[in-house]
Amino acid sequence: MSGKKQEKYRLLITEDIRDFLNSLDDKSQRIIRNNLKKLVSNPYPGSGKGDKEKLNLQNEEIYRLHIGRSWTAFYLIVEDQKQVKITEITSIDEAHKKYGDL
């Protein structure tokens, strides 16, 4: 059986986001990390796993991933480098407040 192996994306998380994750309880950490891993195989909305959406913010393409009913991760895709850069993880309530600004 031959087929092209799908190239994986590299997930990049800042030190601030890593510190934020580490400050959460174990269950929240596990849920968020497991959901972020979904972006490795396909970060684009409409394909792969996860509730993803493309947002247009001041001529910048930013994406969001809903994580359960509690969290939202915002991220950028650097296609030519096969990278997904997590820019923020926030509560879903805070994310909805931000949507008013988008």
N, C-alpha and C. Protein backbone atom coordinates (compact mmCIF):
# COMPACT_ATOMS: atom_id res chain seq x y z
N MET A 1 0.84 -1.18 0.00
CA MET A 1 0.00 0.00 0.00
C MET A 1 0.88 1.24 0.00
N SER A 2 0.75 2.02 -1.03
CA SER A 2 1.58 3.22 -1.08
C SER A 2 0.70 4.44 -0.89
N GLY A 3 1.27 5.44 -0.34
CA GLY A 3 0.55 6.68 -0.11
C GLY A 3 1.51 7.71 0.43
N LYS A 4 1.19 8.94 0.19
CA LYS A 4 2.04 10.01 0.67
C LYS A 4 1.82 10.21 2.16
N LYS A 5 2.89 10.17 2.90
CA LYS A 5 2.79 10.41 4.34
C LYS A 5 2.52 11.90 4.57
N GLN A 6 1.49 12.18 5.35
CA GLN A 6 1.14 13.56 5.63
C GLN A 6 2.19 14.17 6.54
N GLU A 7 2.68 15.34 6.14
CA GLU A 7 3.68 16.02 6.93
C GLU A 7 3.04 16.62 8.17
N LYS A 8 3.70 16.46 9.29
CA LYS A 8 3.19 16.98 10.55
C LYS A 8 3.68 18.42 10.76
N TYR A 9 2.89 19.16 11.52
CA TYR A 9 3.26 20.53 11.88
C TYR A 9 3.96 20.50 13.23
N ARG A 10 4.84 21.44 13.43
CA ARG A 10 5.55 21.57 14.70
C ARG A 10 4.79 22.57 15.56
N LEU A 11 4.46 22.19 16.76
CA LEU A 11 3.70 23.02 17.69
C LEU A 11 4.67 23.86 18.52
N LEU A 12 4.52 25.18 18.47
CA LEU A 12 5.39 26.08 19.23
C LEU A 12 4.57 26.79 20.31
N ILE A 13 5.06 26.71 21.52
CA ILE A 13 4.37 27.30 22.67
C ILE A 13 5.37 28.19 23.40
N THR A 14 4.96 29.43 23.70
CA THR A 14 5.85 30.35 24.41
C THR A 14 6.03 29.92 25.86
N GLU A 15 7.03 30.47 26.48
CA GLU A 15 7.29 30.18 27.89
C GLU A 15 6.12 30.66 28.76
N ASP A 16 5.52 31.80 28.41
CA ASP A 16 4.37 32.31 29.16
C ASP A 16 3.20 31.33 29.11
N ILE A 17 2.94 30.76 27.94
CA ILE A 17 1.84 29.81 27.81
C ILE A 17 2.18 28.52 28.55
N ARG A 18 3.41 28.10 28.48
CA ARG A 18 3.84 26.90 29.21
C ARG A 18 3.64 27.12 30.73
N ASP A 19 4.02 28.30 31.21
CA ASP A 19 3.82 28.62 32.64
C ASP A 19 2.34 28.63 33.00
N PHE A 20 1.51 29.21 32.11
CA PHE A 20 0.07 29.23 32.33
C PHE A 20 -0.47 27.81 32.44
N LEU A 21 -0.09 26.95 31.49
CA LEU A 21 -0.55 25.56 31.53
C LEU A 21 -0.13 24.87 32.82
N ASN A 22 1.10 25.09 33.22
CA ASN A 22 1.61 24.45 34.43
C ASN A 22 0.91 24.94 35.70
N SER A 23 0.26 26.12 35.62
CA SER A 23 -0.44 26.66 36.79
C SER A 23 -1.84 26.05 36.95
N LEU A 24 -2.31 25.36 35.92
CA LEU A 24 -3.65 24.77 35.95
C LEU A 24 -3.64 23.42 36.66
N ASP A 25 -4.84 22.97 37.04
CA ASP A 25 -4.95 21.64 37.65
C ASP A 25 -4.61 20.57 36.60
N ASP A 26 -4.29 19.37 37.07
CA ASP A 26 -3.84 18.29 36.19
C ASP A 26 -4.85 17.96 35.09
N LYS A 27 -6.13 17.93 35.44
CA LYS A 27 -7.15 17.58 34.46
C LYS A 27 -7.21 18.62 33.34
N SER A 28 -7.20 19.91 33.69
CA SER A 28 -7.23 20.97 32.68
C SER A 28 -5.99 20.91 31.80
N GLN A 29 -4.83 20.70 32.41
CA GLN A 29 -3.59 20.58 31.63
C GLN A 29 -3.70 19.45 30.61
N ARG A 30 -4.17 18.31 31.05
CA ARG A 30 -4.28 17.14 30.17
C ARG A 30 -5.24 17.42 29.01
N ILE A 31 -6.39 17.99 29.32
CA ILE A 31 -7.39 18.28 28.29
C ILE A 31 -6.83 19.28 27.26
N ILE A 32 -6.21 20.34 27.73
CA ILE A 32 -5.66 21.35 26.81
C ILE A 32 -4.54 20.76 25.97
N ARG A 33 -3.60 20.07 26.60
CA ARG A 33 -2.47 19.48 25.84
C ARG A 33 -2.96 18.47 24.80
N ASN A 34 -3.92 17.64 25.16
CA ASN A 34 -4.45 16.66 24.20
C ASN A 34 -5.12 17.33 23.02
N ASN A 35 -5.82 18.43 23.27
CA ASN A 35 -6.47 19.15 22.19
C ASN A 35 -5.46 19.89 21.31
N LEU A 36 -4.42 20.47 21.91
CA LEU A 36 -3.41 21.14 21.12
C LEU A 36 -2.70 20.16 20.18
N LYS A 37 -2.54 18.93 20.61
CA LYS A 37 -1.89 17.91 19.77
C LYS A 37 -2.66 17.66 18.48
N LYS A 38 -3.97 17.94 18.48
CA LYS A 38 -4.78 17.78 17.27
C LYS A 38 -4.30 18.70 16.15
N LEU A 39 -3.67 19.81 16.51
CA LEU A 39 -3.20 20.78 15.52
C LEU A 39 -1.97 20.29 14.77
N VAL A 40 -1.27 19.31 15.32
CA VAL A 40 -0.05 18.80 14.71
C VAL A 40 -0.33 18.13 13.36
N SER A 41 -1.42 17.39 13.28
CA SER A 41 -1.71 16.68 12.03
C SER A 41 -2.44 17.57 11.02
N ASN A 42 -3.28 18.49 11.48
CA ASN A 42 -3.92 19.42 10.56
C ASN A 42 -4.52 20.59 11.33
N PRO A 43 -3.88 21.77 11.23
CA PRO A 43 -4.34 22.92 12.00
C PRO A 43 -5.47 23.72 11.33
N TYR A 44 -5.83 23.37 10.09
CA TYR A 44 -6.80 24.17 9.36
C TYR A 44 -8.24 23.79 9.69
N PRO A 45 -9.13 24.80 9.77
CA PRO A 45 -10.55 24.52 10.00
C PRO A 45 -11.14 23.69 8.86
N GLY A 46 -12.17 22.91 9.18
CA GLY A 46 -12.85 22.13 8.17
C GLY A 46 -12.20 20.80 7.87
N SER A 47 -11.10 20.50 8.54
CA SER A 47 -10.42 19.22 8.32
C SER A 47 -9.74 18.80 9.62
N GLY A 48 -9.50 17.53 9.73
CA GLY A 48 -8.88 17.03 10.94
C GLY A 48 -9.83 17.12 12.12
N LYS A 49 -9.28 17.01 13.31
CA LYS A 49 -10.09 17.00 14.53
C LYS A 49 -10.06 18.37 15.20
N GLY A 50 -11.10 18.64 15.97
CA GLY A 50 -11.14 19.87 16.76
C GLY A 50 -12.07 20.92 16.17
N ASP A 51 -12.59 21.77 17.06
CA ASP A 51 -13.48 22.87 16.69
C ASP A 51 -12.61 24.09 16.38
N LYS A 52 -12.22 24.22 15.10
CA LYS A 52 -11.30 25.27 14.67
C LYS A 52 -12.02 26.28 13.80
N GLU A 53 -11.56 27.52 13.85
CA GLU A 53 -12.14 28.57 13.03
C GLU A 53 -11.06 29.58 12.66
N LYS A 54 -11.13 30.09 11.43
CA LYS A 54 -10.22 31.13 10.98
C LYS A 54 -10.84 32.48 11.28
N LEU A 55 -10.06 33.38 11.89
CA LEU A 55 -10.50 34.72 12.20
C LEU A 55 -9.63 35.70 11.42
N ASN A 56 -10.20 36.80 11.01
CA ASN A 56 -9.41 37.85 10.34
C ASN A 56 -9.28 39.02 11.29
N LEU A 57 -8.06 39.28 11.69
CA LEU A 57 -7.78 40.32 12.68
C LEU A 57 -6.77 41.28 12.09
N GLN A 58 -7.21 42.46 11.70
CA GLN A 58 -6.33 43.50 11.18
C GLN A 58 -5.35 42.94 10.15
N ASN A 59 -5.89 42.36 9.09
CA ASN A 59 -5.09 41.81 7.98
C ASN A 59 -4.19 40.66 8.38
N GLU A 60 -4.43 40.06 9.53
CA GLU A 60 -3.65 38.91 9.97
C GLU A 60 -4.59 37.72 10.11
N GLU A 61 -4.17 36.59 9.58
CA GLU A 61 -4.96 35.38 9.72
C GLU A 61 -4.59 34.70 11.03
N ILE A 62 -5.53 34.68 11.93
CA ILE A 62 -5.32 33.99 13.20
C ILE A 62 -6.43 32.96 13.33
N TYR A 63 -6.14 31.89 14.00
CA TYR A 63 -7.08 30.79 14.14
C TYR A 63 -7.38 30.58 15.61
N ARG A 64 -8.53 29.95 15.87
CA ARG A 64 -8.87 29.61 17.24
C ARG A 64 -9.33 28.17 17.30
N LEU A 65 -9.05 27.55 18.43
CA LEU A 65 -9.45 26.18 18.71
C LEU A 65 -10.21 26.19 20.03
N HIS A 66 -11.49 25.80 19.98
CA HIS A 66 -12.23 25.64 21.24
C HIS A 66 -11.80 24.32 21.87
N ILE A 67 -11.56 24.37 23.16
CA ILE A 67 -11.13 23.19 23.92
C ILE A 67 -12.18 22.93 24.98
N GLY A 68 -12.98 21.90 24.72
CA GLY A 68 -14.09 21.62 25.61
C GLY A 68 -15.02 22.83 25.63
N ARG A 69 -15.60 23.07 26.77
CA ARG A 69 -16.47 24.24 26.92
C ARG A 69 -15.84 25.26 27.84
N SER A 70 -14.54 25.12 28.07
CA SER A 70 -13.89 25.98 29.05
C SER A 70 -12.79 26.87 28.48
N TRP A 71 -12.10 26.41 27.44
CA TRP A 71 -10.88 27.09 26.98
C TRP A 71 -10.91 27.35 25.49
N THR A 72 -10.14 28.37 25.07
CA THR A 72 -9.92 28.67 23.66
C THR A 72 -8.44 28.95 23.48
N ALA A 73 -7.86 28.33 22.45
CA ALA A 73 -6.47 28.61 22.08
C ALA A 73 -6.48 29.40 20.79
N PHE A 74 -5.67 30.44 20.71
CA PHE A 74 -5.48 31.20 19.49
C PHE A 74 -4.12 30.83 18.93
N TYR A 75 -4.03 30.72 17.60
CA TYR A 75 -2.77 30.30 17.01
C TYR A 75 -2.60 30.83 15.59
N LEU A 76 -1.34 30.84 15.15
CA LEU A 76 -0.96 31.22 13.80
C LEU A 76 -0.41 29.99 13.10
N ILE A 77 -0.57 29.92 11.79
CA ILE A 77 0.01 28.84 11.00
C ILE A 77 1.08 29.43 10.11
N VAL A 78 2.30 28.91 10.22
CA VAL A 78 3.40 29.31 9.34
C VAL A 78 3.60 28.14 8.38
N GLU A 79 2.87 28.18 7.28
CA GLU A 79 2.81 27.05 6.36
C GLU A 79 4.17 26.66 5.79
N ASP A 80 4.96 27.64 5.35
CA ASP A 80 6.24 27.30 4.72
C ASP A 80 7.23 26.65 5.67
N GLN A 81 7.00 26.80 6.97
CA GLN A 81 7.86 26.16 7.97
C GLN A 81 7.15 25.02 8.69
N LYS A 82 5.90 24.75 8.28
CA LYS A 82 5.08 23.70 8.91
C LYS A 82 5.06 23.88 10.43
N GLN A 83 4.71 25.11 10.85
CA GLN A 83 4.66 25.42 12.27
C GLN A 83 3.27 25.94 12.65
N VAL A 84 2.86 25.61 13.86
CA VAL A 84 1.67 26.17 14.48
C VAL A 84 2.16 26.87 15.74
N LYS A 85 1.95 28.20 15.79
CA LYS A 85 2.41 28.99 16.93
C LYS A 85 1.21 29.35 17.79
N ILE A 86 1.18 28.80 19.00
CA ILE A 86 0.11 29.12 19.94
C ILE A 86 0.41 30.51 20.49
N THR A 87 -0.54 31.44 20.31
CA THR A 87 -0.30 32.81 20.75
C THR A 87 -0.97 33.12 22.08
N GLU A 88 -2.05 32.38 22.39
CA GLU A 88 -2.76 32.64 23.64
C GLU A 88 -3.69 31.47 23.95
N ILE A 89 -3.84 31.19 25.22
CA ILE A 89 -4.87 30.27 25.70
C ILE A 89 -5.62 31.03 26.79
N THR A 90 -6.93 31.07 26.64
CA THR A 90 -7.74 31.84 27.58
C THR A 90 -9.05 31.12 27.84
N SER A 91 -9.77 31.57 28.85
CA SER A 91 -11.07 30.97 29.12
C SER A 91 -12.01 31.29 27.96
N ILE A 92 -12.99 30.47 27.77
CA ILE A 92 -13.92 30.69 26.67
C ILE A 92 -14.68 32.00 26.86
N ASP A 93 -14.95 32.39 28.11
CA ASP A 93 -15.63 33.67 28.36
C ASP A 93 -14.77 34.85 27.91
N GLU A 94 -13.49 34.81 28.24
CA GLU A 94 -12.58 35.87 27.80
C GLU A 94 -12.45 35.89 26.28
N ALA A 95 -12.41 34.72 25.68
CA ALA A 95 -12.31 34.63 24.22
C ALA A 95 -13.53 35.25 23.56
N HIS A 96 -14.71 35.02 24.12
CA HIS A 96 -15.92 35.60 23.54
C HIS A 96 -15.93 37.10 23.66
N LYS A 97 -15.35 37.63 24.74
CA LYS A 97 -15.21 39.09 24.85
C LYS A 97 -14.30 39.62 23.74
N LYS A 98 -13.25 38.87 23.43
CA LYS A 98 -12.32 39.28 22.37
C LYS A 98 -12.99 39.24 21.00
N TYR A 99 -13.90 38.30 20.79
CA TYR A 99 -14.57 38.21 19.49
C TYR A 99 -15.25 39.51 19.13
N GLY A 100 -15.69 40.26 20.11
CA GLY A 100 -16.29 41.55 19.85
C GLY A 100 -15.31 42.53 19.24
N ASP A 101 -14.02 42.30 19.50
CA ASP A 101 -12.97 43.17 18.97
C ASP A 101 -12.49 42.72 17.60
N LEU A 102 -12.88 41.53 17.16
CA LEU A 102 -12.36 41.00 15.89
C LEU A 102 -13.17 41.47 14.72
